[in-house]
N, C-alpha and C. Protein backbone atom coordinates (compact mmCIF):
# COMPACT_ATOMS: atom_id res chain seq x y z
N MET A 1 -16.45 10.08 -11.17
CA MET A 1 -17.00 11.16 -10.26
C MET A 1 -15.70 11.49 -8.91
N SER A 2 -15.39 12.61 -8.77
CA SER A 2 -14.36 12.95 -7.83
C SER A 2 -14.95 13.79 -6.51
N THR A 3 -13.99 13.77 -5.77
CA THR A 3 -14.58 14.28 -4.27
C THR A 3 -13.41 15.37 -3.78
N THR A 4 -13.40 16.10 -2.81
CA THR A 4 -12.62 16.98 -2.36
C THR A 4 -11.81 16.52 -1.22
N MET A 5 -10.59 16.34 -1.34
CA MET A 5 -9.69 16.00 0.03
C MET A 5 -8.48 17.13 0.45
N THR A 6 -8.24 17.56 1.44
CA THR A 6 -7.50 18.35 2.00
C THR A 6 -6.20 17.87 2.67
N ILE A 7 -5.02 18.26 2.23
CA ILE A 7 -3.76 17.70 2.59
C ILE A 7 -2.79 18.57 3.25
N ARG A 8 -2.09 18.71 4.05
CA ARG A 8 -0.95 19.59 4.37
C ARG A 8 0.39 19.12 3.91
N ILE A 9 0.83 20.07 3.08
CA ILE A 9 2.27 19.95 2.51
C ILE A 9 3.02 21.07 3.21
N ASP A 10 4.33 20.87 2.56
CA ASP A 10 5.26 22.18 2.84
C ASP A 10 5.01 23.23 1.84
N GLU A 11 5.03 24.46 2.41
CA GLU A 11 5.06 25.79 1.38
C GLU A 11 5.70 25.47 0.04
N GLU A 12 7.04 25.06 0.23
CA GLU A 12 7.95 24.82 -0.92
C GLU A 12 7.36 23.86 -1.82
N ILE A 13 7.00 22.95 -1.33
CA ILE A 13 6.30 21.59 -2.17
C ILE A 13 5.12 22.20 -2.91
N LYS A 14 4.33 22.98 -2.14
CA LYS A 14 3.02 23.60 -2.92
C LYS A 14 3.53 24.68 -3.78
N ASN A 15 4.75 25.11 -3.79
CA ASN A 15 5.02 26.31 -4.69
C ASN A 15 5.62 25.46 -6.16
N GLN A 16 6.23 24.47 -5.88
CA GLN A 16 6.83 23.50 -6.81
C GLN A 16 5.97 22.93 -7.66
N LEU A 17 4.61 22.38 -7.10
CA LEU A 17 3.50 21.86 -7.51
C LEU A 17 2.84 23.15 -8.50
N GLY A 18 2.95 24.03 -7.99
CA GLY A 18 2.24 25.26 -8.89
C GLY A 18 2.70 25.44 -10.06
N LYS A 19 4.26 25.31 -9.89
CA LYS A 19 4.99 25.80 -11.11
C LYS A 19 5.07 24.63 -12.15
N LEU A 20 4.87 23.44 -11.61
CA LEU A 20 4.92 22.21 -12.45
C LEU A 20 3.65 22.25 -13.18
N ALA A 21 2.69 22.82 -12.55
CA ALA A 21 1.09 22.54 -12.79
C ALA A 21 1.04 23.65 -14.21
N GLU A 22 1.90 24.86 -14.02
CA GLU A 22 1.88 25.85 -15.10
C GLU A 22 2.54 25.49 -16.03
N SER A 23 3.79 24.97 -15.91
CA SER A 23 4.52 24.77 -17.33
C SER A 23 3.85 23.18 -17.81
N SER A 24 3.23 22.50 -17.34
CA SER A 24 2.82 21.22 -17.67
C SER A 24 1.63 21.29 -18.35
N ASN A 25 0.84 22.46 -17.88
CA ASN A 25 -0.52 22.96 -18.50
C ASN A 25 -1.68 21.67 -17.75
N CYS A 26 -1.40 21.07 -16.75
CA CYS A 26 -2.04 20.37 -15.98
C CYS A 26 -2.50 21.32 -14.73
N SER A 27 -3.74 20.70 -13.82
CA SER A 27 -3.72 21.30 -12.94
C SER A 27 -3.11 20.53 -11.53
N LYS A 28 -3.15 21.54 -10.71
CA LYS A 28 -2.22 20.97 -9.29
C LYS A 28 -3.23 19.83 -8.92
N SER A 29 -4.40 19.68 -8.74
CA SER A 29 -5.01 18.51 -8.36
C SER A 29 -4.75 17.28 -9.14
N PHE A 30 -4.35 17.29 -10.62
CA PHE A 30 -4.54 16.34 -11.23
C PHE A 30 -3.02 16.03 -11.03
N LEU A 31 -2.01 16.66 -10.70
CA LEU A 31 -0.58 16.26 -10.59
C LEU A 31 -0.59 15.78 -9.22
N ALA A 32 -1.20 16.21 -8.10
CA ALA A 32 -1.20 15.76 -6.84
C ALA A 32 -1.90 14.23 -6.64
N ALA A 33 -2.92 14.11 -7.39
CA ALA A 33 -3.69 12.84 -7.56
C ALA A 33 -3.05 11.53 -8.04
N GLU A 34 -2.19 11.93 -9.22
CA GLU A 34 -1.69 10.85 -9.98
C GLU A 34 -0.70 9.99 -9.17
N PRO A 35 0.36 10.50 -8.33
CA PRO A 35 0.67 9.64 -7.55
C PRO A 35 0.42 8.73 -6.14
N ILE A 36 -0.93 9.61 -5.91
CA ILE A 36 -1.57 8.76 -5.24
C ILE A 36 -2.37 7.46 -5.66
N LYS A 37 -3.01 7.57 -6.93
CA LYS A 37 -3.59 6.39 -7.71
C LYS A 37 -2.19 5.39 -8.13
N THR A 38 -1.16 5.94 -8.29
CA THR A 38 -0.04 4.93 -8.48
C THR A 38 0.23 4.12 -7.34
N TYR A 39 0.29 4.86 -6.08
CA TYR A 39 0.46 4.08 -4.97
C TYR A 39 -0.55 3.17 -4.59
N ILE A 40 -1.60 3.39 -4.92
CA ILE A 40 -2.78 2.64 -4.56
C ILE A 40 -2.68 1.63 -5.25
N ALA A 41 -2.57 1.61 -6.56
CA ALA A 41 -2.38 0.48 -7.61
C ALA A 41 -1.08 -0.42 -7.33
N LEU A 42 -0.28 0.10 -6.59
CA LEU A 42 0.97 -0.78 -6.42
C LEU A 42 0.96 -1.46 -5.07
N ASN A 43 0.29 -0.85 -4.15
CA ASN A 43 0.29 -1.15 -2.65
C ASN A 43 -1.06 -1.76 -2.36
N GLY A 44 -2.06 -1.40 -3.00
CA GLY A 44 -3.42 -1.58 -2.61
C GLY A 44 -3.61 -3.14 -2.38
N TRP A 45 -3.08 -4.16 -3.04
CA TRP A 45 -3.14 -5.59 -2.93
C TRP A 45 -2.76 -6.02 -1.56
N GLN A 46 -2.05 -5.16 -0.88
CA GLN A 46 -1.35 -5.80 0.47
C GLN A 46 -2.59 -5.95 1.25
N MET A 47 -3.44 -4.73 1.65
CA MET A 47 -4.25 -4.52 2.22
C MET A 47 -5.57 -5.54 2.07
N GLN A 48 -5.92 -5.97 0.71
CA GLN A 48 -6.72 -7.16 0.37
C GLN A 48 -6.19 -8.33 0.92
N GLU A 49 -5.16 -8.80 0.44
CA GLU A 49 -4.55 -9.91 0.93
C GLU A 49 -4.72 -10.10 2.63
N ILE A 50 -4.32 -9.14 3.22
CA ILE A 50 -4.40 -8.95 4.72
C ILE A 50 -5.99 -9.24 5.14
N GLU A 51 -7.08 -8.54 4.70
CA GLU A 51 -8.21 -8.73 4.87
C GLU A 51 -8.84 -10.29 4.54
N THR A 52 -8.20 -10.81 3.37
CA THR A 52 -8.58 -12.12 3.19
C THR A 52 -7.92 -13.12 4.15
N ALA A 53 -6.67 -13.04 4.58
CA ALA A 53 -6.03 -13.64 5.42
C ALA A 53 -6.85 -13.74 7.01
N LEU A 54 -7.37 -12.67 7.29
CA LEU A 54 -7.94 -12.47 8.28
C LEU A 54 -9.52 -13.26 8.41
N VAL A 55 -10.06 -13.01 7.48
CA VAL A 55 -11.24 -14.13 7.21
C VAL A 55 -10.94 -15.50 7.27
N GLU A 56 -9.94 -16.02 6.56
CA GLU A 56 -9.46 -17.32 6.59
C GLU A 56 -9.21 -17.75 8.02
N ALA A 57 -8.28 -16.94 8.96
CA ALA A 57 -8.10 -17.00 10.23
C ALA A 57 -9.51 -17.09 11.08
N ASP A 58 -10.10 -16.30 10.92
CA ASP A 58 -11.46 -16.42 11.75
C ASP A 58 -12.02 -17.50 11.42
N SER A 59 -12.12 -18.26 10.11
CA SER A 59 -12.92 -19.27 10.10
C SER A 59 -12.37 -20.64 10.23
N GLY A 60 -10.93 -20.41 10.73
CA GLY A 60 -10.17 -21.33 11.39
C GLY A 60 -9.03 -22.04 10.27
N GLN A 61 -8.99 -21.22 9.05
CA GLN A 61 -8.51 -22.06 7.91
C GLN A 61 -6.63 -21.33 8.00
N PHE A 62 -6.18 -21.86 9.03
CA PHE A 62 -4.41 -21.73 9.25
C PHE A 62 -3.88 -22.83 9.61
N ALA A 63 -2.46 -22.95 9.39
CA ALA A 63 -1.86 -23.74 9.64
C ALA A 63 -1.39 -24.34 11.18
N SER A 64 -1.58 -25.72 11.35
CA SER A 64 -1.39 -26.30 12.53
C SER A 64 0.06 -26.00 13.06
N ASP A 65 0.07 -26.15 14.37
CA ASP A 65 1.59 -26.32 14.86
C ASP A 65 2.56 -27.14 14.20
N GLU A 66 1.85 -28.28 13.92
CA GLU A 66 3.01 -29.15 13.27
C GLU A 66 3.05 -29.08 12.01
N GLU A 67 2.31 -28.28 11.10
CA GLU A 67 2.59 -27.76 9.89
C GLU A 67 3.49 -26.67 10.00
N VAL A 68 3.58 -25.85 10.73
CA VAL A 68 4.45 -24.68 10.96
C VAL A 68 5.50 -25.29 11.30
N HIS A 69 6.34 -26.08 12.06
CA HIS A 69 7.23 -26.81 12.62
C HIS A 69 7.83 -27.49 11.47
N ALA A 70 7.06 -28.36 10.52
CA ALA A 70 7.73 -28.83 9.29
C ALA A 70 8.18 -27.86 8.60
N VAL A 71 7.87 -26.61 8.29
CA VAL A 71 8.11 -25.79 7.32
C VAL A 71 9.66 -25.30 7.94
N ILE A 72 9.34 -25.01 9.00
CA ILE A 72 10.57 -24.70 10.13
C ILE A 72 11.71 -25.30 9.89
N GLU A 73 11.45 -26.63 10.06
CA GLU A 73 12.36 -27.51 9.98
C GLU A 73 12.85 -27.92 8.55
N LYS A 74 12.37 -27.58 7.58
CA LYS A 74 12.61 -27.57 6.13
C LYS A 74 13.65 -26.66 5.86
N TRP A 75 13.47 -25.32 6.10
CA TRP A 75 14.22 -24.25 5.90
C TRP A 75 15.02 -23.65 6.80
N VAL A 76 15.12 -24.12 8.21
CA VAL A 76 15.97 -23.24 9.12
C VAL A 76 17.03 -24.52 9.83
N PRO A 77 18.35 -24.63 9.27
CA PRO A 77 19.22 -25.69 9.67
C PRO A 77 19.30 -25.81 11.10
N SER A 78 19.19 -26.91 11.67
CA SER A 78 19.09 -27.47 13.18
C SER A 78 20.59 -27.01 13.83
N GLU A 79 20.59 -26.63 14.84
CA GLU A 79 21.97 -26.13 15.84
C GLU A 79 22.45 -27.14 16.17
N ASN A 80 22.55 -28.25 15.66
CA ASN A 80 23.33 -29.76 16.15
C ASN A 80 24.65 -29.68 15.34
């Protein structure tokens, strides 16, 4: 199932998309939608991870101050 979405693009990009659609025998909609699908596939995981972390934080599942300081001390050299 697909739906319609309106976006604003530069006229030159629109013209180039039209030419590419003609030469590739694909629709402009198809050519415009493919990079969006790819972007979501590559970057969508980040939103899911943020949502999961927020649920964990809201339920109190996060590191204590002592645990955070222990990690910092392990990886950051002291200034002495």
